[in-house]
Structure formats: C-alpha cells, structure tokens
Amino acid sequence: MNKKELIEAIVLLAAALNVEVVTKGLDETALKVLHDELSEEKESKDKALAEKNTKSSQLKQEKVVLKFVAPYKRYANGDIAGFDADAAKSILALKPAVAKPYQEEKEQ
C-alpha cells in the first residue's frame, strides 16, 4: 500500500472503531504500524461481537416445553408444545393460566 492508501484505510478503521487518529506528519512506516494496530483492534472487537451474538442466539434457541391446560390459539387442553424461552415466558404469564411447564410423566 502506498501512503495515500494507508491513510484512507486508517481513516476507515478509525471511523469503524469510533476513534480519532492523527496521520499528519507520519512517515509510511509509522502509518503501517498505526494501520496494523487499528486492524488488530477491529478484529478483536469483531470477534467479541460475534461471540456475543452467538451466545444470544443460543439463548434464543433454548426451548421450553409447555403442556396446555386450557385452549389457547391453536392449542387445545392437553397439547404439548415447545417454544423459545421468551415466547414460553409470555404464555406462562397469562392469567388465567393456559399452560404449565411440561414434566414428563414417569412410568410406574
């Protein structure tokens, strides 16, 4: 990369990281060092954000099984269905209760 391209890349990285940088008066070597540092910081933040998104999507994928004790939308009394944790929480909060957490009945 030439000096102009380095400065453009640094400005883009700084904007993405929401930081201010001063490139005036820096030689090409110093610009390369600054570019590398900003690139590493951006990769680190991107990786942390990806991990956070993965964890939140895993939490959303967590299923809760409910047994309906009263009719609710397309579900009848006695139906058993699985829901995302958020949806299950809102169904369980209904008054009067239309469902309860399902517990598998043990054979005797």
N, C-alpha and C. Protein backbone atom coordinates (compact mmCIF):
# COMPACT_ATOMS: atom_id res chain seq x y z
N MET A 1 0.84 -1.18 0.00
CA MET A 1 0.00 0.00 0.00
C MET A 1 0.88 1.25 0.00
N ASN A 2 0.45 2.21 -0.78
CA ASN A 2 1.20 3.47 -0.74
C ASN A 2 0.67 4.33 0.40
N LYS A 3 1.30 5.47 0.60
CA LYS A 3 0.97 6.33 1.75
C LYS A 3 -0.50 6.78 1.71
N LYS A 4 -0.98 7.16 0.54
CA LYS A 4 -2.36 7.64 0.42
C LYS A 4 -3.35 6.52 0.77
N GLU A 5 -3.11 5.31 0.27
CA GLU A 5 -3.99 4.17 0.56
C GLU A 5 -3.97 3.82 2.04
N LEU A 6 -2.78 3.92 2.66
CA LEU A 6 -2.68 3.66 4.11
C LEU A 6 -3.52 4.65 4.90
N ILE A 7 -3.42 5.92 4.53
CA ILE A 7 -4.19 6.94 5.24
C ILE A 7 -5.69 6.70 5.08
N GLU A 8 -6.12 6.35 3.87
CA GLU A 8 -7.54 6.06 3.64
C GLU A 8 -8.00 4.87 4.48
N ALA A 9 -7.18 3.83 4.52
CA ALA A 9 -7.52 2.64 5.31
C ALA A 9 -7.58 2.96 6.79
N ILE A 10 -6.65 3.77 7.26
CA ILE A 10 -6.62 4.17 8.68
C ILE A 10 -7.86 4.98 9.02
N VAL A 11 -8.24 5.89 8.16
CA VAL A 11 -9.44 6.71 8.40
C VAL A 11 -10.68 5.82 8.48
N LEU A 12 -10.79 4.84 7.58
CA LEU A 12 -11.94 3.92 7.61
C LEU A 12 -11.96 3.09 8.90
N LEU A 13 -10.80 2.58 9.28
CA LEU A 13 -10.72 1.78 10.52
C LEU A 13 -11.05 2.64 11.74
N ALA A 14 -10.53 3.86 11.76
CA ALA A 14 -10.81 4.76 12.89
C ALA A 14 -12.29 5.07 12.98
N ALA A 15 -12.93 5.27 11.84
CA ALA A 15 -14.37 5.55 11.84
C ALA A 15 -15.15 4.33 12.34
N ALA A 16 -14.74 3.14 11.91
CA ALA A 16 -15.42 1.92 12.34
C ALA A 16 -15.26 1.69 13.84
N LEU A 17 -14.11 2.10 14.38
CA LEU A 17 -13.84 1.93 15.81
C LEU A 17 -14.29 3.12 16.63
N ASN A 18 -14.75 4.16 15.96
CA ASN A 18 -15.20 5.39 16.61
C ASN A 18 -14.08 6.02 17.45
N VAL A 19 -12.89 6.12 16.83
CA VAL A 19 -11.74 6.76 17.49
C VAL A 19 -11.17 7.83 16.57
N GLU A 20 -10.47 8.77 17.16
CA GLU A 20 -9.80 9.81 16.39
C GLU A 20 -8.34 9.45 16.23
N VAL A 21 -7.82 9.65 15.02
CA VAL A 21 -6.40 9.42 14.78
C VAL A 21 -5.83 10.63 14.03
N VAL A 22 -4.55 10.86 14.25
CA VAL A 22 -3.85 11.94 13.54
C VAL A 22 -2.80 11.28 12.67
N THR A 23 -2.92 11.49 11.35
CA THR A 23 -1.97 10.90 10.42
C THR A 23 -1.00 11.94 9.85
N LYS A 24 -1.27 13.20 10.12
CA LYS A 24 -0.43 14.27 9.58
C LYS A 24 0.98 14.18 10.15
N GLY A 25 1.94 14.20 9.25
CA GLY A 25 3.34 14.20 9.67
C GLY A 25 3.93 12.83 9.92
N LEU A 26 3.14 11.77 9.78
CA LEU A 26 3.66 10.42 9.99
C LEU A 26 4.26 9.88 8.70
N ASP A 27 5.40 9.20 8.83
CA ASP A 27 6.00 8.59 7.64
C ASP A 27 5.31 7.25 7.34
N GLU A 28 5.67 6.63 6.25
CA GLU A 28 5.00 5.41 5.81
C GLU A 28 5.12 4.27 6.83
N THR A 29 6.27 4.17 7.48
CA THR A 29 6.47 3.12 8.48
C THR A 29 5.53 3.32 9.66
N ALA A 30 5.42 4.55 10.15
CA ALA A 30 4.53 4.84 11.28
C ALA A 30 3.08 4.61 10.88
N LEU A 31 2.73 4.93 9.65
CA LEU A 31 1.36 4.69 9.18
C LEU A 31 1.05 3.19 9.13
N LYS A 32 2.04 2.39 8.71
CA LYS A 32 1.85 0.93 8.68
C LYS A 32 1.63 0.39 10.09
N VAL A 33 2.40 0.89 11.04
CA VAL A 33 2.24 0.45 12.43
C VAL A 33 0.85 0.83 12.95
N LEU A 34 0.44 2.06 12.70
CA LEU A 34 -0.88 2.52 13.12
C LEU A 34 -1.98 1.69 12.47
N HIS A 35 -1.82 1.41 11.18
CA HIS A 35 -2.80 0.60 10.45
C HIS A 35 -2.89 -0.80 11.08
N ASP A 36 -1.75 -1.40 11.37
CA ASP A 36 -1.74 -2.74 11.97
C ASP A 36 -2.42 -2.74 13.35
N GLU A 37 -2.14 -1.73 14.15
CA GLU A 37 -2.74 -1.64 15.48
C GLU A 37 -4.26 -1.50 15.39
N LEU A 38 -4.72 -0.63 14.49
CA LEU A 38 -6.16 -0.44 14.33
C LEU A 38 -6.82 -1.70 13.76
N SER A 39 -6.13 -2.38 12.86
CA SER A 39 -6.66 -3.63 12.29
C SER A 39 -6.84 -4.69 13.37
N GLU A 40 -5.84 -4.81 14.24
CA GLU A 40 -5.92 -5.79 15.33
C GLU A 40 -7.07 -5.45 16.28
N GLU A 41 -7.21 -4.16 16.61
CA GLU A 41 -8.29 -3.73 17.50
C GLU A 41 -9.66 -4.02 16.86
N LYS A 42 -9.78 -3.76 15.57
CA LYS A 42 -11.04 -4.01 14.86
C LYS A 42 -11.36 -5.51 14.85
N GLU A 43 -10.36 -6.33 14.57
CA GLU A 43 -10.56 -7.79 14.58
C GLU A 43 -11.00 -8.26 15.96
N SER A 44 -10.37 -7.72 16.99
CA SER A 44 -10.70 -8.09 18.36
C SER A 44 -12.15 -7.73 18.69
N LYS A 45 -12.56 -6.51 18.31
CA LYS A 45 -13.94 -6.08 18.57
C LYS A 45 -14.94 -6.90 17.76
N ASP A 46 -14.59 -7.19 16.51
CA ASP A 46 -15.47 -8.00 15.66
C ASP A 46 -15.64 -9.41 16.24
N LYS A 47 -14.55 -9.96 16.74
CA LYS A 47 -14.59 -11.30 17.32
C LYS A 47 -15.46 -11.31 18.58
N ALA A 48 -15.30 -10.29 19.42
CA ALA A 48 -16.09 -10.19 20.65
C ALA A 48 -17.58 -10.03 20.32
N LEU A 49 -17.88 -9.24 19.31
CA LEU A 49 -19.27 -9.03 18.89
C LEU A 49 -19.86 -10.32 18.34
N ALA A 50 -19.08 -11.06 17.56
CA ALA A 50 -19.55 -12.33 17.01
C ALA A 50 -19.84 -13.33 18.13
N GLU A 51 -18.98 -13.38 19.14
CA GLU A 51 -19.20 -14.29 20.28
C GLU A 51 -20.46 -13.89 21.04
N LYS A 52 -20.66 -12.60 21.22
CA LYS A 52 -21.85 -12.12 21.93
C LYS A 52 -23.11 -12.49 21.15
N ASN A 53 -23.07 -12.29 19.83
CA ASN A 53 -24.23 -12.65 19.00
C ASN A 53 -24.50 -14.14 19.02
N THR A 54 -23.44 -14.94 19.04
CA THR A 54 -23.60 -16.39 19.09
C THR A 54 -24.25 -16.80 20.40
N LYS A 55 -23.80 -16.21 21.51
CA LYS A 55 -24.38 -16.54 22.81
C LYS A 55 -25.84 -16.13 22.88
N SER A 56 -26.17 -14.95 22.37
CA SER A 56 -27.57 -14.51 22.44
C SER A 56 -28.45 -15.36 21.54
N SER A 57 -27.94 -15.80 20.40
CA SER A 57 -28.76 -16.64 19.53
C SER A 57 -28.91 -18.03 20.15
N GLN A 58 -27.90 -18.50 20.88
CA GLN A 58 -28.03 -19.78 21.56
C GLN A 58 -29.09 -19.69 22.66
N LEU A 59 -29.15 -18.56 23.36
CA LEU A 59 -30.16 -18.38 24.39
C LEU A 59 -31.55 -18.36 23.77
N LYS A 60 -31.69 -17.70 22.62
CA LYS A 60 -32.98 -17.64 21.95
C LYS A 60 -33.39 -19.01 21.44
N GLN A 61 -32.43 -19.86 21.12
CA GLN A 61 -32.73 -21.18 20.61
C GLN A 61 -33.12 -22.15 21.72
N GLU A 62 -32.90 -21.75 22.96
CA GLU A 62 -33.26 -22.61 24.08
C GLU A 62 -34.77 -22.80 24.07
N LYS A 63 -35.19 -24.04 24.14
CA LYS A 63 -36.62 -24.36 24.05
C LYS A 63 -37.17 -24.71 25.42
N VAL A 64 -38.45 -24.35 25.60
CA VAL A 64 -39.17 -24.69 26.82
C VAL A 64 -40.42 -25.44 26.37
N VAL A 65 -40.66 -26.58 27.00
CA VAL A 65 -41.82 -27.39 26.64
C VAL A 65 -42.96 -27.08 27.61
N LEU A 66 -44.14 -26.80 27.04
CA LEU A 66 -45.32 -26.47 27.84
C LEU A 66 -46.42 -27.47 27.58
N LYS A 67 -47.23 -27.70 28.61
CA LYS A 67 -48.44 -28.51 28.47
C LYS A 67 -49.62 -27.56 28.70
N PHE A 68 -50.50 -27.52 27.72
CA PHE A 68 -51.65 -26.61 27.81
C PHE A 68 -52.74 -27.22 28.68
N VAL A 69 -53.27 -26.39 29.57
CA VAL A 69 -54.34 -26.82 30.49
C VAL A 69 -55.66 -26.16 30.13
N ALA A 70 -55.63 -25.33 29.08
CA ALA A 70 -56.83 -24.66 28.60
C ALA A 70 -56.60 -24.31 27.13
N PRO A 71 -57.65 -24.09 26.36
CA PRO A 71 -57.46 -23.72 24.96
C PRO A 71 -56.72 -22.39 24.84
N TYR A 72 -55.81 -22.32 23.89
CA TYR A 72 -55.05 -21.09 23.63
C TYR A 72 -54.65 -21.10 22.16
N LYS A 73 -55.15 -20.13 21.41
CA LYS A 73 -54.89 -20.03 19.97
C LYS A 73 -55.15 -21.38 19.31
N ARG A 74 -54.14 -21.99 18.71
CA ARG A 74 -54.37 -23.26 18.02
C ARG A 74 -54.14 -24.48 18.92
N TYR A 75 -53.87 -24.25 20.19
CA TYR A 75 -53.58 -25.34 21.11
C TYR A 75 -54.81 -25.69 21.94
N ALA A 76 -55.02 -26.97 22.16
CA ALA A 76 -56.16 -27.44 22.94
C ALA A 76 -55.66 -27.94 24.30
N ASN A 77 -56.59 -28.13 25.20
CA ASN A 77 -56.29 -28.68 26.51
C ASN A 77 -55.56 -30.02 26.33
N GLY A 78 -54.42 -30.16 26.97
CA GLY A 78 -53.64 -31.40 26.91
C GLY A 78 -52.54 -31.40 25.86
N ASP A 79 -52.53 -30.42 24.96
CA ASP A 79 -51.47 -30.35 23.95
C ASP A 79 -50.14 -30.05 24.61
N ILE A 80 -49.07 -30.58 24.02
CA ILE A 80 -47.71 -30.34 24.49
C ILE A 80 -46.94 -29.73 23.33
N ALA A 81 -46.27 -28.61 23.58
CA ALA A 81 -45.56 -27.91 22.51
C ALA A 81 -44.31 -27.24 23.06
N GLY A 82 -43.33 -27.05 22.18
CA GLY A 82 -42.08 -26.39 22.55
C GLY A 82 -42.05 -24.97 22.02
N PHE A 83 -41.47 -24.07 22.80
CA PHE A 83 -41.39 -22.65 22.45
C PHE A 83 -40.01 -22.10 22.81
N ASP A 84 -39.65 -20.99 22.14
CA ASP A 84 -38.46 -20.25 22.58
C ASP A 84 -38.72 -19.77 23.99
N ALA A 85 -37.66 -19.55 24.74
CA ALA A 85 -37.79 -19.16 26.15
C ALA A 85 -38.66 -17.90 26.32
N ASP A 86 -38.48 -16.91 25.44
CA ASP A 86 -39.26 -15.66 25.56
C ASP A 86 -40.74 -15.91 25.33
N ALA A 87 -41.07 -16.70 24.30
CA ALA A 87 -42.48 -16.99 24.00
C ALA A 87 -43.11 -17.79 25.13
N ALA A 88 -42.38 -18.76 25.66
CA ALA A 88 -42.89 -19.57 26.76
C ALA A 88 -43.16 -18.71 27.99
N LYS A 89 -42.26 -17.79 28.26
CA LYS A 89 -42.42 -16.91 29.43
C LYS A 89 -43.70 -16.08 29.30
N SER A 90 -43.96 -15.57 28.09
CA SER A 90 -45.17 -14.76 27.92
C SER A 90 -46.44 -15.62 28.01
N ILE A 91 -46.40 -16.85 27.54
CA ILE A 91 -47.56 -17.75 27.65
C ILE A 91 -47.81 -18.11 29.12
N LEU A 92 -46.73 -18.38 29.84
CA LEU A 92 -46.87 -18.74 31.26
C LEU A 92 -47.37 -17.57 32.10
N ALA A 93 -47.17 -16.35 31.62
CA ALA A 93 -47.59 -15.17 32.37
C ALA A 93 -49.08 -14.85 32.19
N LEU A 94 -49.74 -15.52 31.26
CA LEU A 94 -51.16 -15.26 31.02
C LEU A 94 -52.01 -15.62 32.24
N LYS A 95 -53.00 -14.80 32.50
CA LYS A 95 -53.95 -15.05 33.58
C LYS A 95 -55.34 -15.07 32.99
N PRO A 96 -56.15 -16.03 33.19
CA PRO A 96 -55.88 -17.29 33.87
C PRO A 96 -54.89 -18.13 33.09
N ALA A 97 -54.20 -19.00 33.79
CA ALA A 97 -53.15 -19.82 33.19
C ALA A 97 -53.71 -20.72 32.10
N VAL A 98 -53.00 -20.75 30.97
CA VAL A 98 -53.41 -21.63 29.87
C VAL A 98 -52.42 -22.78 29.70
N ALA A 99 -51.26 -22.67 30.36
CA ALA A 99 -50.24 -23.72 30.21
C ALA A 99 -49.38 -23.77 31.46
N LYS A 100 -48.68 -24.88 31.58
CA LYS A 100 -47.71 -25.04 32.67
C LYS A 100 -46.49 -25.73 32.08
N PRO A 101 -45.34 -25.58 32.74
CA PRO A 101 -44.15 -26.28 32.24
C PRO A 101 -44.40 -27.78 32.20
N TYR A 102 -44.01 -28.40 31.12
CA TYR A 102 -44.26 -29.83 30.95
C TYR A 102 -43.21 -30.62 31.69
N GLN A 103 -43.68 -31.60 32.45
CA GLN A 103 -42.78 -32.54 33.10
C GLN A 103 -43.20 -33.93 32.65
N GLU A 104 -42.27 -34.62 32.04
CA GLU A 104 -42.60 -35.94 31.51
C GLU A 104 -43.09 -36.85 32.63
N GLU A 105 -44.20 -37.50 32.35
CA GLU A 105 -44.77 -38.40 33.36
C GLU A 105 -43.99 -39.69 33.38
N LYS A 106 -43.58 -40.10 34.56
CA LYS A 106 -42.78 -41.32 34.70
C LYS A 106 -43.67 -42.54 34.71
N GLU A 107 -43.22 -43.59 34.02
CA GLU A 107 -43.99 -44.84 34.01
C GLU A 107 -43.76 -45.56 35.33
N GLN A 108 -44.82 -46.22 35.80
CA GLN A 108 -44.69 -46.90 37.09
C GLN A 108 -44.63 -48.39 36.90
